[in-house]
Every structure is written in C-alpha cells, then in structure tokens.
Amino acid sequence: MLNEKLEEIMEAIWCAAENKTYSIDSIRKNCSIDFQDNDLADLENKGMIMIKENNILFSKSGNSTAQEIIRRHRLAEVLVSSILKLKDAAMEEVACKVEHSLVPEVEDSICTLLGHPEICPDGKPIPKGRCCQRNLKEVSNVVVRLTDIKPGKKGKITYIKPGSHSNMHQLLSIGLRPGTIVTVHRASPAFCIKFENTELALDEEIAKNIFVWEMRETP
C-alpha cells in the first residue's frame, strides 16, 4: 500500500505519460507536491516504476496501481463538481482529499450513482472499473454509522467524521482508518469492536462519527 505522497507522484507520472512525456522534470510539473530522488527510489524498490536515464516508466503492477489512483481522483472530481458544485481550485483541493479515503466498494458505488462517467470535468478519461464492466445500475450496499451495525456483524471503515482532531488522530494511531474491517463485538453495556487482533471499547459518541460500509453475507 502506498502513502498519500507516493500516490500523488504516481498520479503525476500518469498525467505526464498522457502527454507523451516521461522525464522527471515533466513529472515534477504535473505533481501537486514536491518530491525527492529518494521518493522515486522508494517507488522503484516497491516495483511500481522503472527509471531509465532521466525517464520514468511504469512497471505492469505500477501501471495497474496508477490506473486505480487516477480513477479515484477523477471520480472524486466528478462527484465534487456535480454534487457539491465546486469548481477549479476548490474542486481540485476537495477531490485530492476525497480520493485518498475511497475504498473500492465506495468507489464503485460513487461511479454507479454518477452513471459511470467516462470523462472528468477537465475532459480527461476516467479508467473503467468493475462496476462499469458489469454495467451496474443500482447501489446494493449503504454506508452507515458504526453504531448502526449489529453485534457480530462486520463493516469496512469508509471515513471518519472528526468530532475533534485529537479523537481523529487517536483513532488513526491505533489503526482505525479507511479500509479497516471491524466487527461489532457488543453494543452494551459498553460499545466494543474487534479489528486486527485488537478488542477496543469506544465511547458511543466517537463510534457515531465512524462511518462504515456494512459487509453483508452473500446468500
């Protein structure tokens, strides 16, 4: 899994390649953040890219990963521009924040709700996902508060609404972040969850600010 900085670099490499440019300088111009040679070395060590002289190319797995990153970002752009009515710089800023929090199930649902858009507001193509290939018309699952999940049921965290920044950082520090699968152990007398070999009691007000994708059993 790549951190946000490395994802931004991957996105810049993709955008530069769309313009048939592969140099490090052109990638820097397409990147929203500053990066160093050691960041590129990190991506190379992870098998994402190949550095040849001054050019950067994707490996097969890197191309697949970058395609997923671009899909999330451009779907987020369509979402914030069409639903939130944000434009230009504001749209880009919010889209950047949204894309890093999208888990695949939510990504597909947003795409389905938007009618499987093929281009983003800038006119750039949006890579197709599983939902597009199956031409899904309806969203089958819902995002709910963690407290709405019954004991014994599982949910995948989609986002956390910060009741306070200290609570947010505390939850992230113990591993409760988007993508984490949690099981509600019990709702009373204390609200308890299990995740990654950890059992944790949560204040109910904090649990209400954690939104999850309810994972229902397949019949």
C-alpha atoms as a PDB file:
ATOM      1  CA  MET A   1       0.000   0.000   0.000  1.00  0.00           C
ATOM      2  CA  LEU A   2       1.320   3.452  -0.941  1.00  0.00           C
ATOM      3  CA  ASN A   3       1.107   6.510   1.262  1.00  0.00           C
ATOM      4  CA  GLU A   4      -0.525   9.719   0.032  1.00  0.00           C
ATOM      5  CA  LYS A   5       2.751  11.277  -1.121  1.00  0.00           C
ATOM      6  CA  LEU A   6       3.684   8.293  -3.256  1.00  0.00           C
ATOM      7  CA  GLU A   7       0.154   8.171  -4.687  1.00  0.00           C
ATOM      8  CA  GLU A   8       0.473  11.823  -5.725  1.00  0.00           C
ATOM      9  CA  ILE A   9       3.747  11.032  -7.505  1.00  0.00           C
ATOM     10  CA  MET A  10       2.161   8.050  -9.273  1.00  0.00           C
ATOM     11  CA  GLU A  11      -0.674  10.300 -10.389  1.00  0.00           C
ATOM     12  CA  ALA A  12       1.825  12.841 -11.768  1.00  0.00           C
ATOM     13  CA  ILE A  13       3.685  10.117 -13.682  1.00  0.00           C
ATOM     14  CA  TRP A  14       0.378   9.003 -15.240  1.00  0.00           C
ATOM     15  CA  CYS A  15      -0.624  12.561 -16.206  1.00  0.00           C
ATOM     16  CA  ALA A  16       2.791  13.233 -17.743  1.00  0.00           C
ATOM     17  CA  ALA A  17       2.561   9.979 -19.731  1.00  0.00           C
ATOM     18  CA  GLU A  18      -0.845  11.049 -21.087  1.00  0.00           C
ATOM     19  CA  ASN A  19       1.032  13.942 -22.704  1.00  0.00           C
ATOM     20  CA  LYS A  20       3.698  11.544 -24.002  1.00  0.00           C
ATOM     21  CA  THR A  21       6.325  12.968 -21.658  1.00  0.00           C
ATOM     22  CA  TYR A  22       8.271  10.769 -19.270  1.00  0.00           C
ATOM     23  CA  SER A  23      11.090  12.938 -17.914  1.00  0.00           C
ATOM     24  CA  ILE A  24      11.467  13.653 -14.221  1.00  0.00           C
ATOM     25  CA  ASP A  25      11.120  17.387 -14.938  1.00  0.00           C
ATOM     26  CA  SER A  26       7.760  16.925 -16.671  1.00  0.00           C
ATOM     27  CA  ILE A  27       6.560  14.735 -13.808  1.00  0.00           C
ATOM     28  CA  ARG A  28       7.535  17.422 -11.300  1.00  0.00           C
ATOM     29  CA  LYS A  29       5.463  19.947 -13.257  1.00  0.00           C
ATOM     30  CA  ASN A  30       2.440  17.628 -13.073  1.00  0.00           C
ATOM     31  CA  CYS A  31       2.854  16.866  -9.368  1.00  0.00           C
ATOM     32  CA  SER A  32       0.959  18.842  -6.718  1.00  0.00           C
ATOM     33  CA  ILE A  33       3.688  18.197  -4.124  1.00  0.00           C
ATOM     34  CA  ASP A  34       7.473  18.388  -4.032  1.00  0.00           C
ATOM     35  CA  PHE A  35       9.302  15.095  -4.100  1.00  0.00           C
ATOM     36  CA  GLN A  36      12.899  13.971  -3.860  1.00  0.00           C
ATOM     37  CA  ASP A  37      15.011  11.339  -5.576  1.00  0.00           C
ATOM     38  CA  ASN A  38      14.585   9.037  -2.573  1.00  0.00           C
ATOM     39  CA  ASP A  39      10.807   9.071  -3.133  1.00  0.00           C
ATOM     40  CA  LEU A  40      11.342   7.812  -6.689  1.00  0.00           C
ATOM     41  CA  ALA A  41      13.777   5.231  -5.357  1.00  0.00           C
ATOM     42  CA  ASP A  42      11.087   4.090  -2.919  1.00  0.00           C
ATOM     43  CA  LEU A  43       8.608   3.591  -5.781  1.00  0.00           C
ATOM     44  CA  GLU A  44      11.265   1.732  -7.758  1.00  0.00           C
ATOM     45  CA  ASN A  45      12.016  -0.549  -4.801  1.00  0.00           C
ATOM     46  CA  LYS A  46       8.306  -1.281  -4.464  1.00  0.00           C
ATOM     47  CA  GLY A  47       8.258  -2.399  -8.092  1.00  0.00           C
ATOM     48  CA  MET A  48       5.979   0.441  -9.225  1.00  0.00           C
ATOM     49  CA  ILE A  49       8.300   2.210 -11.678  1.00  0.00           C
ATOM     50  CA  MET A  50      11.436   1.792 -13.764  1.00  0.00           C
ATOM     51  CA  ILE A  51      13.931   4.655 -14.016  1.00  0.00           C
ATOM     52  CA  LYS A  52      15.864   4.728 -17.289  1.00  0.00           C
ATOM     53  CA  GLU A  53      18.298   7.614 -17.609  1.00  0.00           C
ATOM     54  CA  ASN A  54      16.045  10.646 -16.968  1.00  0.00           C
ATOM     55  CA  ASN A  55      12.785   8.938 -17.857  1.00  0.00           C
ATOM     56  CA  ILE A  56      10.297   7.130 -15.647  1.00  0.00           C
ATOM     57  CA  LEU A  57       8.086   4.300 -16.855  1.00  0.00           C
ATOM     58  CA  PHE A  58       5.524   2.191 -15.024  1.00  0.00           C
ATOM     59  CA  SER A  59       6.002  -1.482 -14.396  1.00  0.00           C
ATOM     60  CA  LYS A  60       2.993  -3.688 -15.122  1.00  0.00           C
ATOM     61  CA  SER A  61       1.853  -3.619 -11.482  1.00  0.00           C
ATOM     62  CA  GLY A  62       2.688   0.090 -11.252  1.00  0.00           C
ATOM     63  CA  ASN A  63       0.522   0.874 -14.266  1.00  0.00           C
ATOM     64  CA  SER A  64      -2.388  -1.025 -12.697  1.00  0.00           C
ATOM     65  CA  THR A  65      -1.926   0.783  -9.372  1.00  0.00           C
ATOM     66  CA  ALA A  66      -1.675   4.191 -11.046  1.00  0.00           C
ATOM     67  CA  GLN A  67      -4.828   3.496 -13.040  1.00  0.00           C
ATOM     68  CA  GLU A  68      -6.722   2.862  -9.805  1.00  0.00           C
ATOM     69  CA  ILE A  69      -5.364   6.080  -8.280  1.00  0.00           C
ATOM     70  CA  ILE A  70      -6.337   8.144 -11.350  1.00  0.00           C
ATOM     71  CA  ARG A  71      -9.794   6.552 -11.409  1.00  0.00           C
ATOM     72  CA  ARG A  72     -10.422   7.514  -7.773  1.00  0.00           C
ATOM     73  CA  HIS A  73      -9.202  11.071  -8.287  1.00  0.00           C
ATOM     74  CA  ARG A  74     -11.233  11.733 -11.425  1.00  0.00           C
ATOM     75  CA  LEU A  75     -14.352  10.157  -9.968  1.00  0.00           C
ATOM     76  CA  ALA A  76     -13.875  12.425  -6.941  1.00  0.00           C
ATOM     77  CA  GLU A  77     -13.636  15.417  -9.297  1.00  0.00           C
ATOM     78  CA  VAL A  78     -16.931  14.477 -10.958  1.00  0.00           C
ATOM     79  CA  LEU A  79     -18.524  13.970  -7.541  1.00  0.00           C
ATOM     80  CA  VAL A  80     -17.484  17.315  -6.047  1.00  0.00           C
ATOM     81  CA  SER A  81     -18.194  19.272  -9.231  1.00  0.00           C
ATOM     82  CA  SER A  82     -21.621  17.746  -9.966  1.00  0.00           C
ATOM     83  CA  ILE A  83     -22.918  17.175  -6.446  1.00  0.00           C
ATOM     84  CA  LEU A  84     -21.104  19.776  -4.351  1.00  0.00           C
ATOM     85  CA  LYS A  85     -20.953  22.262  -7.250  1.00  0.00           C
ATOM     86  CA  LEU A  86     -17.326  23.145  -6.542  1.00  0.00           C
ATOM     87  CA  LYS A  87     -15.121  24.448  -9.327  1.00  0.00           C
ATOM     88  CA  ASP A  88     -11.469  24.830 -10.261  1.00  0.00           C
ATOM     89  CA  ALA A  89      -9.095  25.132  -7.285  1.00  0.00           C
ATOM     90  CA  ALA A  90     -11.755  24.277  -4.685  1.00  0.00           C
ATOM     91  CA  MET A  91     -12.800  21.211  -6.678  1.00  0.00           C
ATOM     92  CA  GLU A  92      -9.209  20.026  -7.003  1.00  0.00           C
ATOM     93  CA  GLU A  93      -8.465  20.529  -3.312  1.00  0.00           C
ATOM     94  CA  VAL A  94     -11.517  18.593  -2.112  1.00  0.00           C
ATOM     95  CA  ALA A  95     -11.074  15.884  -4.768  1.00  0.00           C
ATOM     96  CA  CYS A  96      -7.493  15.306  -3.596  1.00  0.00           C
ATOM     97  CA  LYS A  97      -8.703  14.785  -0.034  1.00  0.00           C
ATOM     98  CA  VAL A  98     -11.569  12.517  -1.072  1.00  0.00           C
ATOM     99  CA  GLU A  99      -9.559  10.237  -3.379  1.00  0.00           C
ATOM    100  CA  HIS A 100      -7.219   9.017  -0.638  1.00  0.00           C
ATOM    101  CA  SER A 101     -10.148   7.888   1.512  1.00  0.00           C
ATOM    102  CA  LEU A 102     -12.109   5.916  -1.064  1.00  0.00           C
ATOM    103  CA  VAL A 103     -12.206   2.161  -0.612  1.00  0.00           C
ATOM    104  CA  PRO A 104     -13.093   0.068  -3.712  1.00  0.00           C
ATOM    105  CA  GLU A 105     -16.710  -0.586  -2.697  1.00  0.00           C
ATOM    106  CA  VAL A 106     -17.432   3.107  -2.177  1.00  0.00           C
ATOM    107  CA  GLU A 107     -15.553   3.999  -5.344  1.00  0.00           C
ATOM    108  CA  ASP A 108     -17.761   1.646  -7.384  1.00  0.00           C
ATOM    109  CA  SER A 109     -20.910   2.950  -5.730  1.00  0.00           C
ATOM    110  CA  ILE A 110     -19.995   6.563  -6.481  1.00  0.00           C
ATOM    111  CA  CYS A 111     -19.291   5.599 -10.079  1.00  0.00           C
ATOM    112  CA  THR A 112     -22.650   3.802 -10.306  1.00  0.00           C
ATOM    113  CA  LEU A 113     -24.519   6.707  -8.737  1.00  0.00           C
ATOM    114  CA  LEU A 114     -22.887   9.094 -11.233  1.00  0.00           C
ATOM    115  CA  GLY A 115     -23.876   6.876 -14.169  1.00  0.00           C
ATOM    116  CA  HIS A 116     -20.373   5.521 -14.895  1.00  0.00           C
ATOM    117  CA  PRO A 117     -18.857   8.799 -16.188  1.00  0.00           C
ATOM    118  CA  GLU A 118     -16.240   8.424 -18.894  1.00  0.00           C
ATOM    119  CA  ILE A 119     -14.513  11.799 -18.519  1.00  0.00           C
ATOM    120  CA  CYS A 120     -13.717  14.128 -15.623  1.00  0.00           C
ATOM    121  CA  PRO A 121     -14.570  17.877 -15.595  1.00  0.00           C
ATOM    122  CA  ASP A 122     -11.242  18.598 -17.334  1.00  0.00           C
ATOM    123  CA  GLY A 123     -12.189  16.297 -20.189  1.00  0.00           C
ATOM    124  CA  LYS A 124      -9.661  13.621 -19.268  1.00  0.00           C
ATOM    125  CA  PRO A 125     -10.687   9.936 -19.496  1.00  0.00           C
ATOM    126  CA  ILE A 126     -11.708   8.035 -16.361  1.00  0.00           C
ATOM    127  CA  PRO A 127     -10.426   4.446 -16.353  1.00  0.00           C
ATOM    128  CA  LYS A 128     -13.248   1.925 -16.175  1.00  0.00           C
ATOM    129  CA  GLY A 129     -13.802  -0.139 -13.037  1.00  0.00           C
ATOM    130  CA  ARG A 130     -15.520  -3.421 -12.227  1.00  0.00           C
ATOM    131  CA  CYS A 131     -18.895  -1.693 -11.928  1.00  0.00           C
ATOM    132  CA  CYS A 132     -18.558  -0.222 -15.433  1.00  0.00           C
ATOM    133  CA  GLN A 133     -17.717  -3.597 -16.925  1.00  0.00           C
ATOM    134  CA  ARG A 134     -20.800  -5.121 -15.256  1.00  0.00           C
ATOM    135  CA  ASN A 135     -22.853  -2.020 -16.134  1.00  0.00           C
ATOM    136  CA  LEU A 136     -24.311  -1.846 -12.640  1.00  0.00           C
ATOM    137  CA  LYS A 137     -27.411   0.328 -12.296  1.00  0.00           C
ATOM    138  CA  GLU A 138     -28.088   0.155  -8.562  1.00  0.00           C
ATOM    139  CA  VAL A 139     -26.025   0.505  -5.423  1.00  0.00           C
ATOM    140  CA  SER A 140     -26.600  -2.591  -3.300  1.00  0.00           C
ATOM    141  CA  ASN A 141     -24.947  -1.538  -0.038  1.00  0.00           C
ATOM    142  CA  VAL A 142     -25.066   1.517   2.198  1.00  0.00           C
ATOM    143  CA  VAL A 143     -22.681   3.478   4.353  1.00  0.00           C
ATOM    144  CA  VAL A 144     -23.907   3.678   7.945  1.00  0.00           C
ATOM    145  CA  ARG A 145     -22.663   4.758  11.339  1.00  0.00           C
ATOM    146  CA  LEU A 146     -20.642   2.128  13.172  1.00  0.00           C
ATOM    147  CA  THR A 147     -23.256   2.205  15.926  1.00  0.00           C
ATOM    148  CA  ASP A 148     -25.875   1.042  13.395  1.00  0.00           C
ATOM    149  CA  ILE A 149     -24.084  -2.278  12.899  1.00  0.00           C
ATOM    150  CA  LYS A 150     -25.485  -5.125  14.976  1.00  0.00           C
ATOM    151  CA  PRO A 151     -23.218  -7.203  17.243  1.00  0.00           C
ATOM    152  CA  GLY A 152     -21.488  -9.946  15.294  1.00  0.00           C
ATOM    153  CA  LYS A 153     -21.632  -8.026  12.021  1.00  0.00           C
ATOM    154  CA  LYS A 154     -18.722  -6.502  10.114  1.00  0.00           C
ATOM    155  CA  GLY A 155     -18.162  -3.182   8.432  1.00  0.00           C
ATOM    156  CA  LYS A 156     -15.325  -1.606   6.450  1.00  0.00           C
ATOM    157  CA  ILE A 157     -14.473   1.943   7.520  1.00  0.00           C
ATOM    158  CA  THR A 158     -15.111   4.435   4.703  1.00  0.00           C
ATOM    159  CA  TYR A 159     -14.446   7.678   6.535  1.00  0.00           C
ATOM    160  CA  ILE A 160     -14.242   9.172   9.998  1.00  0.00           C
ATOM    161  CA  LYS A 161     -16.002  12.423  10.793  1.00  0.00           C
ATOM    162  CA  PRO A 162     -13.671  14.354  13.119  1.00  0.00           C
ATOM    163  CA  GLY A 163     -15.605  15.184  16.263  1.00  0.00           C
ATOM    164  CA  SER A 164     -12.265  16.607  17.380  1.00  0.00           C
ATOM    165  CA  HIS A 165      -8.807  16.421  15.845  1.00  0.00           C
ATOM    166  CA  SER A 166      -7.413  14.718  18.932  1.00  0.00           C
ATOM    167  CA  ASN A 167     -10.005  11.933  18.640  1.00  0.00           C
ATOM    168  CA  MET A 168      -9.265  11.591  14.918  1.00  0.00           C
ATOM    169  CA  HIS A 169      -5.502  11.279  15.436  1.00  0.00           C
ATOM    170  CA  GLN A 170      -6.012   8.811  18.276  1.00  0.00           C
ATOM    171  CA  LEU A 171      -8.188   6.562  16.130  1.00  0.00           C
ATOM    172  CA  LEU A 172      -5.722   6.699  13.245  1.00  0.00           C
ATOM    173  CA  SER A 173      -2.799   5.946  15.548  1.00  0.00           C
ATOM    174  CA  ILE A 174      -4.384   2.686  16.725  1.00  0.00           C
ATOM    175  CA  GLY A 175      -5.207   1.547  13.194  1.00  0.00           C
ATOM    176  CA  LEU A 176      -8.816   2.680  12.754  1.00  0.00           C
ATOM    177  CA  ARG A 177      -8.616   4.238   9.310  1.00  0.00           C
ATOM    178  CA  PRO A 178     -10.449   3.971   5.955  1.00  0.00           C
ATOM    179  CA  GLY A 179     -10.269   0.404   4.696  1.00  0.00           C
ATOM    180  CA  THR A 180     -10.026  -1.230   8.123  1.00  0.00           C
ATOM    181  CA  ILE A 181     -12.568  -4.032   8.673  1.00  0.00           C
ATOM    182  CA  VAL A 182     -14.145  -4.006  12.127  1.00  0.00           C
ATOM    183  CA  THR A 183     -16.549  -6.365  13.854  1.00  0.00           C
ATOM    184  CA  VAL A 184     -19.012  -5.045  16.407  1.00  0.00           C
ATOM    185  CA  HIS A 185     -18.454  -7.256  19.452  1.00  0.00           C
ATOM    186  CA  ARG A 186     -21.185  -5.827  21.648  1.00  0.00           C
ATOM    187  CA  ALA A 187     -23.274  -2.669  21.934  1.00  0.00           C
ATOM    188  CA  SER A 188     -23.845  -2.636  25.700  1.00  0.00           C
ATOM    189  CA  PRO A 189     -23.022  -2.053  28.451  1.00  0.00           C
ATOM    190  CA  ALA A 190     -20.055  -0.607  26.518  1.00  0.00           C
ATOM    191  CA  PHE A 191     -19.705  -0.366  22.737  1.00  0.00           C
ATOM    192  CA  CYS A 192     -16.880  -2.738  21.782  1.00  0.00           C
ATOM    193  CA  ILE A 193     -15.325  -3.645  18.454  1.00  0.00           C
ATOM    194  CA  LYS A 194     -12.708  -6.086  17.232  1.00  0.00           C
ATOM    195  CA  PHE A 195     -10.177  -5.475  14.461  1.00  0.00           C
ATOM    196  CA  GLU A 196      -6.776  -6.876  13.548  1.00  0.00           C
ATOM    197  CA  ASN A 197      -6.435  -8.972  16.743  1.00  0.00           C
ATOM    198  CA  THR A 198      -7.456  -5.982  18.865  1.00  0.00           C
ATOM    199  CA  GLU A 199     -10.546  -5.558  21.034  1.00  0.00           C
ATOM    200  CA  LEU A 200     -11.447  -1.950  21.797  1.00  0.00           C
ATOM    201  CA  ALA A 201     -14.143  -0.189  23.804  1.00  0.00           C
ATOM    202  CA  LEU A 202     -15.273   3.045  22.153  1.00  0.00           C
ATOM    203  CA  ASP A 203     -17.192   5.987  23.509  1.00  0.00           C
ATOM    204  CA  GLU A 204     -20.543   5.876  21.717  1.00  0.00           C
ATOM    205  CA  GLU A 205     -20.230   9.491  20.545  1.00  0.00           C
ATOM    206  CA  ILE A 206     -16.914   8.635  18.903  1.00  0.00           C
ATOM    207  CA  ALA A 207     -18.358   5.453  17.369  1.00  0.00           C
ATOM    208  CA  LYS A 208     -21.186   7.514  15.833  1.00  0.00           C
ATOM    209  CA  ASN A 209     -18.598   9.506  13.895  1.00  0.00           C
ATOM    210  CA  ILE A 210     -17.128   6.394  12.298  1.00  0.00           C
ATOM    211  CA  PHE A 211     -18.925   5.514   9.054  1.00  0.00           C
ATOM    212  CA  VAL A 212     -18.644   2.031   7.630  1.00  0.00           C
ATOM    213  CA  TRP A 213     -19.626   0.029   4.592  1.00  0.00           C
ATOM    214  CA  GLU A 214     -21.747  -2.752   6.058  1.00  0.00           C
ATOM    215  CA  MET A 215     -20.436  -6.099   4.881  1.00  0.00           C
ATOM    216  CA  ARG A 216     -23.376  -8.384   4.340  1.00  0.00           C
ATOM    217  CA  GLU A 217     -23.069 -12.110   3.890  1.00  0.00           C
ATOM    218  CA  THR A 218     -23.595 -13.415   0.391  1.00  0.00           C
ATOM    219  CA  PRO A 219     -26.679 -15.699   0.239  1.00  0.00           C
END
